[in-house]
Amino acid sequence: MKSGVRILALATAPIQHRRTTLLIGIVGRDGIVEGVLSSRVSVDGTDATSKIIRMLRNTRFGEQIRVIATNGIALAGLNLIDTVKLENHTGTKFLSLTRTKPHPAKLAAALKHHSKIKGVGVEERMILLDRFRKMDQNRSSGFYVQSSLDDVGVRNIITSAVKLLRLAHIIARGVSTGESKGRI
């Protein structure tokens, strides 16, 4: 993947004891923001993938976006993204970045516990988690990366993706709580 491709960076607002939370998408390339998208996703639900697909289909940027970037594979708590389904339905690549080393065993335990409480099927979620277990640390960026892009592709877009993810996070938190803070 060459630099200059359009990226959709996604972040959710903090969970504030509601059933849904705000999902913000920032579309940009080469450090230039070209659009802001929004939707709502269920807290600890199963609709993240379908909401992202719908978001892409309903925007004028839909066919131009080549990479979807997130901070991990879960949005709004334990609402896991089906990266394979997302890539197949949208024709995009997926890029997940995290500053800290992921702990898939802890996420799996949380998913199992949540499923017992809410009666949500854990099998499908565990399949999604198993697909996503291996995250490599990108030495030049300091982030843990999981992507369907090759190493060169990741290197070419990681700076833009990080900036757009940061902006998505700031907007989502600022709109929902009145002020942003933190970093990805």
Protein backbone atom coordinates (compact mmCIF):
# COMPACT_ATOMS: atom_id res chain seq x y z
CA MET A 1 0.00 0.00 0.00
CA LYS A 2 1.46 3.33 -1.02
CA SER A 3 1.20 6.53 0.97
CA GLY A 4 -1.56 8.93 -0.04
CA VAL A 5 -4.42 6.44 0.25
CA ARG A 6 -7.64 7.44 1.97
CA ILE A 7 -7.94 6.10 5.50
CA LEU A 8 -11.04 5.85 7.67
CA ALA A 9 -10.00 6.07 11.33
CA LEU A 10 -12.66 4.96 13.83
CA ALA A 11 -13.05 5.66 17.55
CA THR A 12 -15.93 5.37 19.98
CA ALA A 13 -16.89 7.79 22.70
CA PRO A 14 -16.66 6.76 26.34
CA ILE A 15 -19.40 4.46 27.59
CA GLN A 16 -21.65 6.52 29.83
CA HIS A 17 -24.11 3.96 31.22
CA ARG A 18 -26.05 3.87 27.97
CA ARG A 19 -26.95 1.12 25.55
CA THR A 20 -25.21 2.83 22.64
CA THR A 21 -22.28 5.15 22.21
CA LEU A 22 -21.04 7.50 19.52
CA LEU A 23 -18.85 6.12 16.72
CA ILE A 24 -16.75 8.74 14.94
CA GLY A 25 -14.95 8.17 11.66
CA ILE A 26 -12.35 10.55 10.26
CA VAL A 27 -11.57 10.28 6.55
CA GLY A 28 -8.20 11.61 5.48
CA ARG A 29 -5.03 11.15 3.52
CA ASP A 30 -1.53 12.60 3.71
CA GLY A 31 -2.34 14.42 6.94
CA ILE A 32 -5.38 16.21 5.49
CA VAL A 33 -8.82 15.62 6.99
CA GLU A 34 -11.39 15.25 4.25
CA GLY A 35 -14.49 14.31 6.21
CA VAL A 36 -16.07 13.36 9.51
CA LEU A 37 -18.61 10.53 9.76
CA SER A 38 -20.72 9.44 12.71
CA SER A 39 -22.97 6.63 13.80
CA ARG A 40 -23.91 4.85 17.02
CA VAL A 41 -22.88 1.35 18.12
CA SER A 42 -24.22 -0.88 20.87
CA VAL A 43 -22.23 -1.07 24.06
CA ASP A 44 -20.88 -4.63 24.37
CA GLY A 45 -23.03 -5.52 21.37
CA THR A 46 -22.47 -7.27 18.07
CA ASP A 47 -23.23 -4.53 15.54
CA ALA A 48 -19.83 -2.85 15.07
CA THR A 49 -19.07 -4.55 11.75
CA SER A 50 -22.48 -3.85 10.22
CA LYS A 51 -22.40 -0.22 11.39
CA ILE A 52 -18.99 0.34 9.81
CA ILE A 53 -20.11 -1.26 6.54
CA ARG A 54 -23.22 0.94 6.52
CA MET A 55 -21.10 3.99 7.32
CA LEU A 56 -18.89 3.27 4.30
CA ARG A 57 -21.82 2.61 1.96
CA ASN A 58 -23.54 5.87 2.94
CA THR A 59 -20.62 8.23 2.40
CA ARG A 60 -19.33 9.81 -0.77
CA PHE A 61 -15.86 8.57 0.26
CA GLY A 62 -16.95 4.92 0.42
CA GLU A 63 -15.33 3.68 -2.77
CA GLN A 64 -12.18 5.75 -2.22
CA ILE A 65 -11.30 4.51 1.28
CA ARG A 66 -8.60 1.83 1.13
CA VAL A 67 -7.78 1.31 4.83
CA ILE A 68 -9.89 1.22 8.00
CA ALA A 69 -7.87 1.97 11.13
CA THR A 70 -8.93 1.33 14.72
CA ASN A 71 -7.42 1.19 18.18
CA GLY A 72 -7.87 -2.55 18.76
CA ILE A 73 -10.64 -4.79 17.43
CA ALA A 74 -13.29 -3.94 19.99
CA LEU A 75 -15.46 -0.84 19.88
CA ALA A 76 -17.82 0.31 22.63
CA GLY A 77 -16.55 -2.18 25.17
CA LEU A 78 -16.74 -5.73 23.81
CA ASN A 79 -18.32 -5.02 20.41
CA LEU A 80 -15.82 -6.93 18.26
CA ILE A 81 -15.16 -6.09 14.62
CA ASP A 82 -15.24 -8.98 12.15
CA THR A 83 -12.21 -7.89 10.14
CA VAL A 84 -12.63 -10.56 7.47
CA LYS A 85 -16.28 -9.69 6.85
CA LEU A 86 -15.43 -5.99 6.85
CA GLU A 87 -12.68 -6.43 4.26
CA ASN A 88 -14.82 -8.72 2.08
CA HIS A 89 -17.86 -6.39 2.08
CA THR A 90 -15.97 -3.12 1.62
CA GLY A 91 -12.83 -3.99 -0.35
CA THR A 92 -10.67 -2.23 2.24
CA LYS A 93 -7.73 -3.35 4.32
CA PHE A 94 -7.83 -3.32 8.12
CA LEU A 95 -5.24 -1.81 10.45
CA SER A 96 -5.34 -2.00 14.23
CA LEU A 97 -2.90 -0.06 16.39
CA THR A 98 -2.42 -0.14 20.15
CA ARG A 99 0.20 1.51 22.34
CA THR A 100 0.26 -1.26 24.91
CA LYS A 101 0.75 -4.94 24.33
CA PRO A 102 -2.62 -6.64 23.81
CA HIS A 103 -3.72 -9.34 26.23
CA PRO A 104 -5.98 -11.69 24.25
CA ALA A 105 -6.44 -14.04 27.23
CA LYS A 106 -7.89 -11.21 29.33
CA LEU A 107 -10.19 -10.18 26.48
CA ALA A 108 -11.32 -13.79 26.05
CA ALA A 109 -12.09 -14.04 29.78
CA ALA A 110 -14.07 -10.80 29.63
CA LEU A 111 -16.02 -12.05 26.62
CA LYS A 112 -16.88 -15.31 28.38
CA HIS A 113 -17.94 -13.50 31.54
CA HIS A 114 -20.02 -10.98 29.57
CA SER A 115 -21.70 -13.74 27.59
CA LYS A 116 -22.81 -15.49 30.77
CA ILE A 117 -24.33 -12.28 32.12
CA LYS A 118 -26.01 -11.03 28.93
CA GLY A 119 -26.70 -14.38 27.22
CA VAL A 120 -24.75 -13.31 24.14
CA GLY A 121 -23.21 -16.08 22.03
CA VAL A 122 -19.55 -16.36 22.94
CA GLU A 123 -18.59 -18.81 20.18
CA GLU A 124 -18.81 -16.28 17.35
CA ARG A 125 -16.89 -13.70 19.35
CA MET A 126 -14.14 -16.15 20.24
CA ILE A 127 -13.73 -16.96 16.54
CA LEU A 128 -13.26 -13.24 15.84
CA LEU A 129 -10.75 -12.98 18.67
CA ASP A 130 -8.80 -16.04 17.48
CA ARG A 131 -8.39 -14.47 14.05
CA PHE A 132 -6.86 -11.45 15.70
CA ARG A 133 -4.48 -12.94 18.27
CA LYS A 134 -1.13 -12.10 16.70
CA MET A 135 -0.05 -8.48 16.96
CA ASP A 136 3.49 -7.49 16.10
CA GLN A 137 5.27 -4.52 17.52
CA ASN A 138 6.27 -2.04 14.85
CA ARG A 139 9.69 -0.92 16.07
CA SER A 140 9.75 2.38 14.19
CA SER A 141 6.36 3.56 15.48
CA GLY A 142 6.25 2.00 18.95
CA PHE A 143 2.75 0.62 18.30
CA TYR A 144 1.54 -2.94 18.27
CA VAL A 145 0.09 -3.55 14.83
CA GLN A 146 -2.26 -6.12 13.37
CA SER A 147 -3.16 -5.67 9.75
CA SER A 148 -3.95 -7.31 6.47
CA LEU A 149 -1.39 -4.94 4.93
CA ASP A 150 2.18 -6.01 4.38
CA ASP A 151 5.01 -4.40 6.40
CA VAL A 152 5.78 -1.84 3.69
CA GLY A 153 2.12 -0.84 3.49
CA VAL A 154 1.94 -0.37 7.25
CA ARG A 155 5.12 1.71 7.25
CA ASN A 156 3.77 3.96 4.51
CA ILE A 157 0.52 4.84 6.28
CA ILE A 158 1.12 4.42 10.00
CA THR A 159 1.84 8.10 10.68
CA SER A 160 -1.34 9.25 8.93
CA ALA A 161 -3.38 6.52 10.59
CA VAL A 162 -2.16 7.47 14.07
CA LYS A 163 -2.98 11.15 13.52
CA LEU A 164 -6.46 10.36 12.21
CA LEU A 165 -7.15 7.91 15.06
CA ARG A 166 -6.10 10.56 17.56
CA LEU A 167 -8.43 13.09 15.98
CA ALA A 168 -11.33 10.60 15.93
CA HIS A 169 -10.73 9.89 19.63
CA ILE A 170 -10.60 13.61 20.50
CA ILE A 171 -13.83 14.36 18.62
CA ALA A 172 -15.72 11.35 20.01
CA ARG A 173 -14.78 12.13 23.59
CA GLY A 174 -15.20 15.88 23.25
CA VAL A 175 -18.66 15.63 21.71
CA SER A 176 -19.94 13.08 24.24
CA THR A 177 -18.40 14.45 27.45
CA GLY A 178 -17.75 18.11 26.68
CA GLU A 179 -13.97 17.80 26.77
CA SER A 180 -11.40 15.43 25.34
CA LYS A 181 -8.41 13.89 27.09
CA GLY A 182 -6.03 10.96 26.81
CA ARG A 183 -4.33 9.50 23.79
CA ILE A 184 -4.49 6.32 21.77
